[in-house]
Protein backbone atom coordinates (compact mmCIF):
# COMPACT_ATOMS: atom_id res chain seq x y z
CA MET A 1 61.60 -39.14 154.88
CA LYS A 2 60.71 -42.12 152.73
CA VAL A 3 58.34 -44.28 154.80
CA ILE A 4 55.92 -43.30 157.60
CA SER A 5 53.41 -45.47 159.43
CA VAL A 6 50.01 -43.86 160.00
CA VAL A 7 47.86 -45.23 162.84
CA PRO A 8 44.40 -43.60 162.90
CA ASN A 9 41.57 -43.88 165.41
CA GLU A 10 38.22 -44.16 163.65
CA PHE A 11 36.34 -43.24 166.83
CA LYS A 12 38.18 -39.89 166.89
CA ASP A 13 38.19 -39.51 163.10
CA PRO A 14 34.83 -40.75 161.73
CA GLY A 15 35.18 -41.96 158.16
CA PHE A 16 38.91 -41.17 158.38
CA ALA A 17 38.28 -37.71 156.94
CA VAL A 18 41.31 -36.10 158.61
CA THR A 19 43.47 -39.18 158.03
CA ASN A 20 42.82 -39.02 154.29
CA GLN A 21 43.84 -35.36 154.18
CA VAL A 22 47.05 -36.14 156.06
CA ILE A 23 47.87 -39.06 153.77
CA ASP A 24 47.31 -36.91 150.68
CA ARG A 25 49.69 -34.25 151.96
CA LEU A 26 52.40 -36.74 152.85
CA THR A 27 52.21 -38.81 149.68
CA ALA A 28 52.29 -35.63 147.59
CA GLY A 29 55.81 -35.16 148.96
CA GLY A 30 56.84 -38.62 147.81
CA THR A 31 56.50 -40.41 151.15
CA GLU A 32 55.17 -43.97 151.26
CA ILE A 33 52.55 -44.58 153.94
CA TYR A 34 52.07 -47.80 155.89
CA ILE A 35 48.55 -48.41 157.22
CA PRO A 36 47.41 -51.32 159.46
CA ASP A 37 46.22 -54.16 157.25
CA GLU A 38 42.86 -54.41 159.03
CA LEU A 39 41.94 -50.95 157.67
CA ARG A 40 42.37 -51.98 154.04
CA GLY A 41 38.61 -51.78 153.39
CA SER A 42 38.47 -48.19 154.67
CA PHE A 43 41.06 -46.71 152.30
CA GLY A 44 40.83 -48.82 149.15
CA ASN A 45 43.61 -48.52 146.58
CA LYS A 46 44.93 -45.17 147.68
CA LEU A 47 48.07 -44.10 145.81
CA GLY A 48 51.22 -44.26 147.94
CA VAL A 49 49.60 -46.38 150.66
CA LYS A 50 50.73 -49.87 151.62
CA PHE A 51 48.69 -52.06 153.97
CA VAL A 52 50.93 -54.05 156.30
CA PRO A 53 50.68 -56.41 159.31
CA GLN A 54 50.84 -54.75 162.74
CA GLU A 55 54.46 -55.77 163.31
CA GLN A 56 55.65 -54.06 160.11
CA LEU A 57 54.31 -50.70 161.26
CA PHE A 58 57.29 -50.47 163.60
CA HIS A 59 59.88 -50.81 160.84
CA THR A 60 59.53 -47.30 159.42
CA GLU A 61 61.19 -43.97 160.13
CA LEU A 62 58.29 -42.57 162.14
CA ILE A 63 54.79 -43.46 163.37
CA LEU A 64 52.12 -40.78 163.02
CA THR A 65 49.04 -41.36 165.17
CA LEU A 66 45.72 -39.60 164.62
CA GLY A 67 43.53 -39.66 167.71
CA GLY A 68 44.12 -38.87 171.35
CA ASP A 69 46.67 -39.86 173.94
CA GLY A 70 45.09 -43.32 174.10
CA THR A 71 46.05 -43.97 170.48
CA ILE A 72 49.69 -43.29 171.36
CA LEU A 73 49.55 -45.45 174.50
CA LYS A 74 48.37 -48.46 172.50
CA ILE A 75 51.51 -48.51 170.36
CA ALA A 76 54.03 -47.00 172.80
CA SER A 77 55.49 -50.28 174.07
CA ALA A 78 56.14 -51.75 170.62
CA ALA A 79 57.45 -48.43 169.29
CA ALA A 80 59.88 -48.17 172.21
CA GLU A 81 61.11 -51.71 171.64
CA HIS A 82 61.83 -50.93 167.96
CA GLU A 83 63.21 -47.45 168.71
CA VAL A 84 60.87 -45.74 166.25
CA PRO A 85 59.67 -42.23 167.20
CA ILE A 86 55.99 -41.32 167.52
CA LEU A 87 54.30 -38.10 166.44
CA GLY A 88 50.77 -37.62 167.73
CA LEU A 89 48.22 -35.53 165.84
CA ASN A 90 45.55 -34.69 168.41
CA LEU A 91 41.91 -35.36 167.56
CA GLY A 92 40.98 -35.94 171.20
CA ARG A 93 40.50 -33.64 174.17
CA VAL A 94 43.37 -33.77 176.63
CA GLY A 95 46.34 -34.30 174.32
CA PHE A 96 49.28 -34.24 176.74
CA LEU A 97 51.17 -36.68 174.51
CA ALA A 98 49.87 -35.72 171.07
CA GLU A 99 52.19 -33.00 169.80
CA ILE A 100 50.11 -31.11 167.23
CA GLU A 101 46.44 -30.32 166.71
CA TRP A 102 44.61 -31.53 163.61
CA THR A 103 44.33 -27.94 162.34
CA GLN A 104 48.13 -27.57 162.17
CA PHE A 105 48.63 -29.22 158.79
CA GLU A 106 51.22 -26.60 157.90
CA LEU A 107 53.64 -28.42 160.20
CA LEU A 108 53.49 -31.68 158.26
CA PRO A 109 56.20 -30.74 155.69
CA LYS A 110 58.63 -30.60 158.62
CA ILE A 111 58.19 -34.36 158.94
CA LEU A 112 59.47 -34.94 155.42
CA SER A 113 62.52 -32.76 155.96
CA GLY A 114 63.30 -34.27 159.37
CA ASN A 115 62.98 -30.83 160.97
CA TYR A 116 61.98 -31.92 164.47
CA GLU A 117 63.40 -33.00 167.81
CA VAL A 118 62.85 -36.26 169.65
CA ALA A 119 62.36 -36.43 173.42
CA GLU A 120 62.79 -39.68 175.33
CA ARG A 121 60.22 -40.58 178.01
CA MET A 122 60.83 -43.34 180.54
CA MET A 123 58.50 -46.33 180.69
CA LEU A 124 57.70 -48.80 183.46
CA GLU A 125 58.28 -52.53 183.23
CA LEU A 126 56.07 -55.11 184.97
CA LYS A 127 57.51 -58.45 186.04
CA VAL A 128 55.61 -61.37 187.58
CA ASN A 129 57.79 -64.00 189.27
CA GLY A 130 60.82 -62.52 187.56
CA LYS A 131 59.38 -62.66 184.05
CA THR A 132 58.71 -59.47 182.11
CA VAL A 133 55.06 -59.38 181.08
CA GLY A 134 54.73 -55.85 179.70
CA SER A 135 55.58 -52.17 179.86
CA ALA A 136 53.65 -48.93 180.20
CA LEU A 137 54.22 -45.30 179.27
CA ASN A 138 51.63 -43.83 181.65
CA ASP A 139 50.97 -46.22 184.49
CA ILE A 140 50.58 -49.69 185.91
CA CYS A 141 47.61 -50.17 188.24
CA ILE A 142 47.21 -53.05 190.67
CA THR A 143 43.57 -53.56 191.70
CA ALA A 144 40.89 -56.16 192.32
CA ASP A 145 39.39 -57.64 189.17
CA LYS A 146 35.94 -56.55 190.36
CA PRO A 147 34.97 -52.93 191.05
CA ILE A 148 34.88 -51.49 194.57
CA LYS A 149 36.76 -54.38 196.20
CA LEU A 150 39.69 -53.93 198.58
CA ILE A 151 43.06 -55.60 198.06
CA ASP A 152 45.88 -56.25 200.51
CA PHE A 153 49.57 -56.01 199.63
CA THR A 154 52.98 -55.31 201.07
CA VAL A 155 55.30 -53.09 199.07
CA SER A 156 59.10 -53.14 199.28
CA ALA A 157 61.67 -50.88 197.66
CA ASP A 158 64.94 -52.54 196.65
CA GLY A 159 64.28 -55.36 199.11
CA ARG A 160 63.32 -53.15 202.08
CA THR A 161 59.72 -53.11 203.30
CA VAL A 162 57.98 -49.77 202.83
CA SER A 163 54.50 -50.54 204.21
CA HIS A 164 51.46 -52.78 204.14
CA TYR A 165 48.34 -51.45 202.44
CA ARG A 166 44.68 -52.26 202.36
CA ALA A 167 43.17 -50.18 199.58
CA ASP A 168 41.23 -50.21 196.34
CA GLY A 169 44.60 -50.54 194.67
CA VAL A 170 47.74 -48.64 193.76
CA ILE A 171 48.88 -46.63 190.73
CA LEU A 172 52.52 -46.74 189.66
CA SER A 173 53.05 -43.92 187.20
CA THR A 174 55.84 -42.35 185.22
CA PRO A 175 56.22 -38.56 185.16
CA THR A 176 54.45 -38.70 181.79
CA GLY A 177 51.54 -40.53 183.43
CA SER A 178 51.37 -38.18 186.41
CA THR A 179 48.70 -36.09 184.64
CA ALA A 180 46.49 -39.15 184.08
CA TYR A 181 44.90 -41.57 186.59
CA SER A 182 47.44 -40.77 189.30
CA LEU A 183 46.45 -37.11 189.26
CA SER A 184 42.76 -38.03 189.64
CA ALA A 185 43.70 -40.14 192.68
CA GLY A 186 45.44 -37.20 194.35
CA GLY A 187 48.95 -37.67 193.00
CA PRO A 188 51.25 -34.79 192.01
CA VAL A 189 51.95 -33.31 188.61
CA ILE A 190 55.52 -34.26 187.71
CA ASP A 191 57.63 -32.65 184.99
CA PRO A 192 58.11 -35.35 182.31
CA ARG A 193 61.77 -34.39 182.02
CA LEU A 194 62.32 -35.99 185.43
CA ASP A 195 62.91 -39.72 185.86
CA CYS A 196 61.09 -41.25 188.82
CA ILE A 197 58.34 -43.66 189.83
CA CYS A 198 55.21 -42.25 191.43
CA PHE A 199 53.40 -44.56 193.91
CA THR A 200 49.81 -43.42 194.57
CA PRO A 201 47.47 -45.56 196.73
CA ILE A 202 43.83 -45.67 195.63
CA CYS A 203 41.44 -44.98 198.53
CA PRO A 204 43.46 -46.71 201.30
CA LEU A 205 41.48 -47.89 204.32
CA LEU A 206 43.69 -45.86 206.66
CA PRO A 207 43.73 -42.11 205.85
CA SER A 208 47.31 -41.90 207.15
CA LYS A 209 48.40 -43.97 204.15
CA ASN A 210 46.67 -41.75 201.62
CA ARG A 211 49.96 -40.23 200.51
CA THR A 212 51.91 -40.47 197.29
CA ILE A 213 55.52 -41.62 197.48
CA VAL A 214 57.96 -40.64 194.73
CA PHE A 215 60.77 -43.15 194.23
CA SER A 216 63.97 -42.91 192.24
CA ASP A 217 63.76 -44.34 188.74
CA LYS A 218 66.50 -46.76 189.81
CA THR A 219 64.21 -48.28 192.46
CA VAL A 220 62.56 -51.65 191.94
CA LEU A 221 59.24 -51.91 193.78
CA GLU A 222 58.10 -55.37 194.82
CA PHE A 223 54.56 -56.34 195.80
CA ALA A 224 53.98 -59.44 197.89
CA GLY A 225 50.81 -61.12 199.15
CA VAL A 226 48.63 -59.24 196.67
CA ASN A 227 45.13 -60.55 197.24
CA SER A 228 41.48 -59.66 197.65
CA ARG A 229 39.13 -61.51 199.96
CA GLU A 230 36.22 -61.06 197.57
CA SER A 231 37.74 -61.27 194.09
CA GLY A 232 40.92 -61.86 192.11
CA THR A 233 43.60 -59.24 191.51
CA VAL A 234 45.04 -57.81 188.30
CA ALA A 235 47.68 -55.44 187.00
CA THR A 236 46.55 -53.13 184.20
CA LEU A 237 49.09 -51.47 181.92
CA ASP A 238 48.14 -48.12 180.40
CA GLY A 239 44.45 -48.89 180.89
CA SER A 240 44.33 -51.65 178.30
CA VAL A 241 46.53 -54.71 178.90
CA THR A 242 45.47 -56.75 181.95
CA VAL A 243 47.60 -59.35 183.73
CA LYS A 244 46.14 -61.68 186.38
CA ILE A 245 47.98 -61.83 189.72
CA ASP A 246 47.81 -64.66 192.25
CA SER A 247 48.49 -64.15 195.95
CA ALA A 248 51.63 -66.34 195.73
CA ASP A 249 53.10 -64.25 192.89
CA THR A 250 55.95 -61.83 193.33
CA VAL A 251 55.16 -58.69 191.37
CA SER A 252 57.78 -56.05 190.61
CA VAL A 253 57.70 -52.70 188.84
CA GLY A 254 60.78 -50.79 187.75
CA ARG A 255 62.10 -48.65 184.96
CA SER A 256 61.94 -50.23 181.52
CA PRO A 257 65.22 -50.35 179.59
CA ASN A 258 63.35 -49.07 176.52
CA PRO A 259 62.26 -45.42 176.54
CA VAL A 260 59.57 -44.19 174.17
CA ARG A 261 60.60 -41.49 171.71
CA LEU A 262 58.11 -38.66 171.15
CA VAL A 263 58.53 -36.16 168.32
CA ASN A 264 58.57 -32.47 169.22
CA MET A 265 57.66 -30.30 166.22
CA ASN A 266 55.70 -27.51 167.82
CA ASN A 267 58.29 -26.45 170.40
CA GLN A 268 55.57 -26.73 173.03
CA LYS A 269 56.71 -27.02 176.60
CA PHE A 270 54.99 -29.13 179.24
CA TYR A 271 53.80 -26.17 181.31
CA ASP A 272 52.37 -24.43 178.26
CA ILE A 273 50.24 -27.50 177.58
CA LEU A 274 49.28 -27.77 181.25
CA PHE A 275 48.16 -24.15 181.33
CA THR A 276 46.29 -24.41 178.02
CA LYS A 277 44.37 -27.52 179.01
CA ASN A 278 43.48 -26.02 182.37
CA ARG A 279 42.33 -22.77 180.79
CA GLU A 280 40.22 -24.54 178.19
CA GLY A 281 38.59 -26.76 180.81
CA LYS A 282 39.82 -29.88 179.01
CA ALA A 283 41.56 -31.20 182.10
CA ASP A 284 40.54 -30.69 185.70
CA ILE A 285 43.93 -29.58 186.93
């Protein structure tokens, strides 16, 4: 492998101590490393490292992230669009997406030889008034733009009304995102090898509507009349990108045409990770 992009998280890796070790191991094998240009001052003139604009990070053979799942989520949409696989080195706590732990440096030579598998994970696509405004690997949440405010909305599936809700909001998650916010709101754990859309209301006013609905990945969910009497409403993609929604807008969520590609080097299976995180007390599952 000739060129790899490295995307570190300084909050998870103070002083980039682990990142520097990883870079040294990879460059020793003759691989050129791309680093985000804004981090130039943190690495200096390191041999084998090239500082590039954000867009150029997605024109390599692989992106290696050093951080937690959040670090992967931040680049997932662009990586999916450019069809470049992501390998996560976990410096965080939960690590459902990050494939290897920071102590597993012995696995890094496998990157150079291409000795790994790639698994595709479906993403969700958000459209407002028919225009695509973003995609998400974990979830898309529709809520008020102020905390603890109810919103009203009517949801339809493929043009047929499902129900009207008055709630704190709703979480639309992928199977990958089922172990994130949706799980905390009472949603199910879904095997990421499945393709579906998980609809989980957040604290609905009527207890009878406090149930998750799992839709086919071919379903397009439409939300009409989304409004709050006391604030505005927003859609939040993977906890970071926020899109304002007006009551007259037609909002739809469906499967994105671009899956994200996650590298599997450790031969870990989903249920092994689930059990490990539960046993270690790193996830309340």
